Amino acid sequence: MTFQTLKVTVDEGIATVVIDQEETLNALSRQVMDDLDACFSWAALEPSVQGVLLTGAGPKSFVAGADIKQFKGMGPEEGKAFAERGQAVFARIEQMPKPVIAVVNGFALGGGSELALACHMRVASNTARFGQPEVNLGIIPGYGGTQRLPRIVGKGLATELVLTGEMISADRAHEIGLVNHVFAPDDLMEGARKLLRGMLTKAPRAIALTLEALSASDLPLERGLQHEAALFGQACATEDFDEGVHAFLARRKAEFKGR
């Protein structure tokens, strides 16, 4: 697949998606958003893709935020539609049945931070910076930042980050659980690939069902447990479940087929 603003390569089941707009620090223009929507729609159904690494071009920025030029003259209705469009694209990423890791190589600000939050996991260069600076423009996060950030780092920390608009370092992001791992810049992509490769040795259907179960973790506990039990039952109907049990009992490595 080819896109105007993305570079996409697939190797050994891993799709590496690079937002290739270095001259704008990979800002989220309308075209970038359209391309991300189309790319993840394709990746969800593409058999050769088992997982995705999402990053930005160049050493400075993952995504520096939305394209601010789009905000000029925006009224209430346009603003609401703008936010809803971005939320829909990021929900597609969050709901992927294959693991998606944000590989944050620099600034992840505003919409860039929200894009990273929509991924299943985040790894970062030790030079990366995270922030939700929307209040400095007289607006609020509109692509899910006020909803996903509290679920990941807790309401108190999220409130501070959103209301101050301050940037935090990759190490601080790791301390508060926003980032899973921090790497030196030269080790970032290989560290992300190693993490994802480990996941891709597992049963694909089990991974998809696990991601679906985790997406319901903000439900009331009783409803979440019911959802988990239903998905557990679905897992028991797969060929990979039979293979996993037989391989364990035979003390051999399982050979999962994704069925």
Protein backbone atom coordinates (compact mmCIF):
# COMPACT_ATOMS: atom_id res chain seq x y z
CA MET A 1 0.00 0.00 0.00
CA THR A 2 1.15 3.54 -0.78
CA PHE A 3 0.04 6.77 0.90
CA GLN A 4 0.76 10.44 0.31
CA THR A 5 2.10 11.15 3.80
CA LEU A 6 3.12 7.73 5.14
CA LYS A 7 5.90 5.29 4.39
CA VAL A 8 4.83 1.70 5.04
CA THR A 9 7.02 -1.40 4.95
CA VAL A 10 6.19 -4.95 6.01
CA ASP A 11 8.88 -7.37 7.18
CA GLU A 12 8.33 -10.71 8.94
CA GLY A 13 4.80 -9.78 9.95
CA ILE A 14 5.69 -6.32 11.27
CA ALA A 15 4.34 -3.25 9.46
CA THR A 16 6.45 -0.17 10.13
CA VAL A 17 4.35 2.95 9.51
CA VAL A 18 6.30 6.21 9.34
CA ILE A 19 4.50 9.56 9.27
CA ASP A 20 6.73 11.12 6.61
CA GLN A 21 6.21 14.86 7.03
CA GLU A 22 9.48 15.87 8.66
CA GLU A 23 9.28 19.44 7.36
CA THR A 24 6.17 20.04 9.52
CA LEU A 25 7.44 17.89 12.42
CA ASN A 26 4.88 15.29 11.24
CA ALA A 27 1.92 17.47 12.15
CA LEU A 28 -1.51 15.88 11.79
CA SER A 29 -2.86 17.52 8.65
CA ARG A 30 -6.13 16.36 7.12
CA GLN A 31 -4.16 14.28 4.63
CA VAL A 32 -2.14 12.59 7.39
CA MET A 33 -5.37 11.74 9.22
CA ASP A 34 -6.95 10.36 6.04
CA ASP A 35 -3.85 8.28 5.37
CA LEU A 36 -3.73 6.93 8.92
CA ASP A 37 -7.39 5.95 8.66
CA ALA A 38 -6.83 4.13 5.37
CA CYS A 39 -3.57 2.54 6.52
CA PHE A 40 -4.98 1.02 9.69
CA SER A 41 -8.12 -0.12 7.87
CA TRP A 42 -5.82 -1.99 5.48
CA ALA A 43 -3.49 -3.33 8.19
CA ALA A 44 -6.37 -4.77 10.22
CA LEU A 45 -7.35 -7.04 7.32
CA GLU A 46 -3.97 -7.65 5.66
CA PRO A 47 -2.80 -11.25 6.37
CA SER A 48 0.89 -10.36 6.03
CA VAL A 49 0.59 -7.83 8.89
CA GLN A 50 0.61 -9.26 12.41
CA GLY A 51 1.56 -6.10 14.30
CA VAL A 52 2.37 -2.43 13.70
CA LEU A 53 5.13 -0.04 14.74
CA LEU A 54 4.05 3.59 14.32
CA THR A 55 6.64 6.36 14.32
CA GLY A 56 7.52 9.74 12.82
CA ALA A 57 10.16 10.72 10.29
CA GLY A 58 13.35 12.42 11.46
CA PRO A 59 15.04 12.68 14.85
CA LYS A 60 13.02 15.60 16.23
CA SER A 61 9.39 14.61 16.27
CA PHE A 62 6.97 11.70 16.53
CA VAL A 63 4.06 14.05 15.91
CA ALA A 64 4.31 17.67 17.08
CA GLY A 65 0.52 18.04 17.15
CA ALA A 66 -2.30 19.02 14.86
CA ASP A 67 -1.74 21.38 11.95
CA ILE A 68 -2.60 24.65 13.73
CA LYS A 69 -3.41 26.38 10.44
CA GLN A 70 -6.58 24.26 10.35
CA PHE A 71 -7.87 26.03 13.49
CA LYS A 72 -8.08 29.51 11.98
CA GLY A 73 -11.69 30.66 11.77
CA MET A 74 -13.01 27.39 13.21
CA GLY A 75 -16.41 27.77 14.88
CA PRO A 76 -18.23 25.50 17.36
CA GLU A 77 -19.77 23.15 14.80
CA GLU A 78 -16.57 22.89 12.78
CA GLY A 79 -14.63 22.28 15.98
CA LYS A 80 -16.93 19.50 17.08
CA ALA A 81 -16.71 17.82 13.66
CA PHE A 82 -12.92 18.23 13.68
CA ALA A 83 -12.63 16.50 17.06
CA GLU A 84 -15.05 13.71 16.10
CA ARG A 85 -13.11 12.95 12.93
CA GLY A 86 -9.85 12.65 14.85
CA GLN A 87 -11.47 10.54 17.54
CA ALA A 88 -12.83 8.14 14.90
CA VAL A 89 -9.38 7.68 13.33
CA PHE A 90 -7.70 7.09 16.68
CA ALA A 91 -10.47 4.69 17.75
CA ARG A 92 -9.69 2.62 14.65
CA ILE A 93 -6.09 2.35 15.82
CA GLU A 94 -7.09 1.53 19.41
CA GLN A 95 -9.52 -1.16 18.19
CA MET A 96 -6.96 -2.90 15.96
CA PRO A 97 -7.04 -6.69 16.50
CA LYS A 98 -3.24 -6.69 16.14
CA PRO A 99 -0.79 -5.04 18.56
CA VAL A 100 0.18 -1.45 17.74
CA ILE A 101 3.22 0.14 19.41
CA ALA A 102 3.89 3.88 19.21
CA VAL A 103 7.64 4.39 18.73
CA VAL A 104 8.08 7.92 20.02
CA ASN A 105 11.29 9.37 18.62
CA GLY A 106 10.88 13.03 19.62
CA PHE A 107 8.07 15.47 20.36
CA ALA A 108 4.65 13.91 21.02
CA LEU A 109 2.55 16.96 21.72
CA GLY A 110 -1.19 17.61 21.58
CA GLY A 111 -2.61 15.38 18.88
CA GLY A 112 0.73 13.56 18.75
CA SER A 113 0.44 12.60 22.39
CA GLU A 114 -3.17 11.56 21.77
CA LEU A 115 -2.08 9.43 18.82
CA ALA A 116 0.45 7.65 21.04
CA LEU A 117 -2.24 7.16 23.70
CA ALA A 118 -4.48 5.44 21.13
CA CYS A 119 -1.80 2.82 20.47
CA HIS A 120 -1.74 -0.29 22.64
CA MET A 121 1.75 0.46 24.00
CA ARG A 122 4.34 3.21 23.84
CA VAL A 123 8.13 3.08 23.75
CA ALA A 124 10.27 6.20 23.56
CA SER A 125 13.71 7.58 22.86
CA ASN A 126 15.30 9.16 25.89
CA THR A 127 15.12 12.45 23.96
CA ALA A 128 11.33 12.25 23.54
CA ARG A 129 8.97 14.79 25.09
CA PHE A 130 5.26 14.40 25.83
CA GLY A 131 2.63 17.02 26.48
CA GLN A 132 -0.93 18.26 26.04
CA PRO A 133 -0.39 22.01 25.49
CA GLU A 134 -3.87 22.78 24.13
CA VAL A 135 -4.74 25.15 26.97
CA ASN A 136 -2.00 27.46 25.67
CA LEU A 137 -4.15 27.93 22.56
CA GLY A 138 -7.37 28.42 24.48
CA ILE A 139 -8.75 24.98 23.59
CA ILE A 140 -8.77 21.50 25.12
CA PRO A 141 -7.52 18.13 23.88
CA GLY A 142 -10.02 16.92 21.29
CA TYR A 143 -8.66 13.61 20.01
CA GLY A 144 -9.21 11.65 23.23
CA GLY A 145 -6.57 13.10 25.54
CA THR A 146 -8.96 13.90 28.39
CA GLN A 147 -10.30 10.34 28.28
CA ARG A 148 -7.33 8.06 27.56
CA LEU A 149 -4.68 9.88 29.59
CA PRO A 150 -6.51 9.48 32.95
CA ARG A 151 -7.09 5.80 32.19
CA ILE A 152 -3.36 5.29 31.68
CA VAL A 153 -1.70 7.53 34.30
CA GLY A 154 -4.55 8.28 36.71
CA LYS A 155 -6.82 11.30 37.00
CA GLY A 156 -4.59 13.39 39.24
CA LEU A 157 -1.52 13.26 37.01
CA ALA A 158 -3.63 13.64 33.87
CA THR A 159 -5.29 16.74 35.31
CA GLU A 160 -1.92 18.30 36.04
CA LEU A 161 -0.55 17.54 32.58
CA VAL A 162 -3.60 18.87 30.75
CA LEU A 163 -4.14 22.00 32.88
CA THR A 164 -0.50 23.08 32.95
CA GLY A 165 0.20 22.22 29.32
CA GLU A 166 3.76 21.39 30.33
CA MET A 167 6.02 18.91 28.55
CA ILE A 168 7.51 15.95 30.39
CA SER A 169 10.58 13.89 29.59
CA ALA A 170 10.58 10.30 28.41
CA ASP A 171 11.96 9.21 31.79
CA ARG A 172 9.12 10.98 33.61
CA ALA A 173 6.62 9.46 31.19
CA HIS A 174 8.05 6.05 32.05
CA GLU A 175 7.81 6.75 35.79
CA ILE A 176 4.08 7.50 35.56
CA GLY A 177 3.26 4.58 33.28
CA LEU A 178 2.70 6.56 30.10
CA VAL A 179 5.64 4.80 28.41
CA ASN A 180 6.51 1.12 28.69
CA HIS A 181 10.22 1.35 27.81
CA VAL A 182 12.82 4.06 27.16
CA PHE A 183 15.74 3.47 24.80
CA ALA A 184 18.75 5.38 23.54
CA PRO A 185 17.90 6.92 20.14
CA ASP A 186 20.05 4.45 18.20
CA ASP A 187 18.40 1.50 19.96
CA LEU A 188 14.79 2.69 19.73
CA MET A 189 13.52 0.93 16.60
CA GLU A 190 15.28 -2.35 17.33
CA GLY A 191 14.01 -2.28 20.91
CA ALA A 192 10.46 -1.78 19.63
CA ARG A 193 10.86 -4.56 17.05
CA LYS A 194 12.18 -6.98 19.69
CA LEU A 195 9.22 -6.22 21.95
CA LEU A 196 6.72 -6.74 19.14
CA ARG A 197 8.45 -9.87 17.80
CA GLY A 198 8.04 -11.46 21.23
CA MET A 199 4.29 -10.83 21.11
CA LEU A 200 4.00 -12.22 17.60
CA THR A 201 5.22 -15.65 18.70
CA LYS A 202 1.89 -16.06 20.52
CA ALA A 203 -1.43 -17.24 19.11
CA PRO A 204 -2.87 -14.50 16.84
CA ARG A 205 -6.49 -15.16 17.83
CA ALA A 206 -5.55 -15.08 21.51
CA ILE A 207 -3.80 -11.74 20.95
CA ALA A 208 -6.87 -10.30 19.19
CA LEU A 209 -9.23 -11.51 21.91
CA THR A 210 -6.90 -10.21 24.64
CA LEU A 211 -6.83 -6.77 23.03
CA GLU A 212 -10.61 -6.80 22.86
CA ALA A 213 -10.84 -7.77 26.53
CA LEU A 214 -8.38 -5.07 27.56
CA SER A 215 -10.38 -2.46 25.66
CA ALA A 216 -13.27 -3.15 28.04
CA SER A 217 -11.15 -2.65 31.16
CA ASP A 218 -12.84 0.67 31.91
CA LEU A 219 -16.26 -0.97 32.19
CA PRO A 220 -17.75 -1.64 35.64
CA LEU A 221 -15.98 -4.71 37.01
CA GLU A 222 -18.95 -7.09 36.77
CA ARG A 223 -19.58 -6.23 33.12
CA GLY A 224 -15.88 -6.43 32.32
CA LEU A 225 -15.63 -9.89 33.87
CA GLN A 226 -18.64 -11.08 31.89
CA HIS A 227 -17.04 -9.80 28.69
CA GLU A 228 -13.78 -11.52 29.56
CA ALA A 229 -15.54 -14.83 30.21
CA ALA A 230 -17.33 -14.65 26.85
CA LEU A 231 -14.04 -13.98 25.05
CA PHE A 232 -12.35 -16.80 26.99
CA GLY A 233 -15.05 -19.10 25.65
CA GLN A 234 -14.34 -17.92 22.11
CA ALA A 235 -10.65 -18.66 22.61
CA CYS A 236 -11.48 -22.21 23.65
CA ALA A 237 -13.12 -22.77 20.25
CA THR A 238 -9.92 -22.05 18.28
CA GLU A 239 -7.48 -24.53 16.78
CA ASP A 240 -4.64 -22.54 18.36
CA PHE A 241 -6.09 -23.33 21.81
CA ASP A 242 -5.92 -27.06 21.08
CA GLU A 243 -2.41 -26.67 19.71
CA GLY A 244 -1.26 -24.67 22.74
CA VAL A 245 -2.56 -27.22 25.23
CA HIS A 246 -1.19 -30.22 23.32
CA ALA A 247 2.19 -28.54 22.86
CA PHE A 248 2.42 -27.70 26.57
CA LEU A 249 1.56 -31.25 27.62
CA ALA A 250 4.00 -32.69 25.07
CA ARG A 251 6.70 -30.24 26.22
CA ARG A 252 7.25 -28.86 22.73
CA LYS A 253 6.99 -25.43 21.16
CA ALA A 254 3.51 -24.57 19.93
CA GLU A 255 3.00 -23.91 16.23
CA PHE A 256 0.14 -21.47 16.04
CA LYS A 257 -1.78 -21.02 12.77
CA GLY A 258 -4.06 -18.14 13.67
CA ARG A 259 -7.17 -20.30 13.50
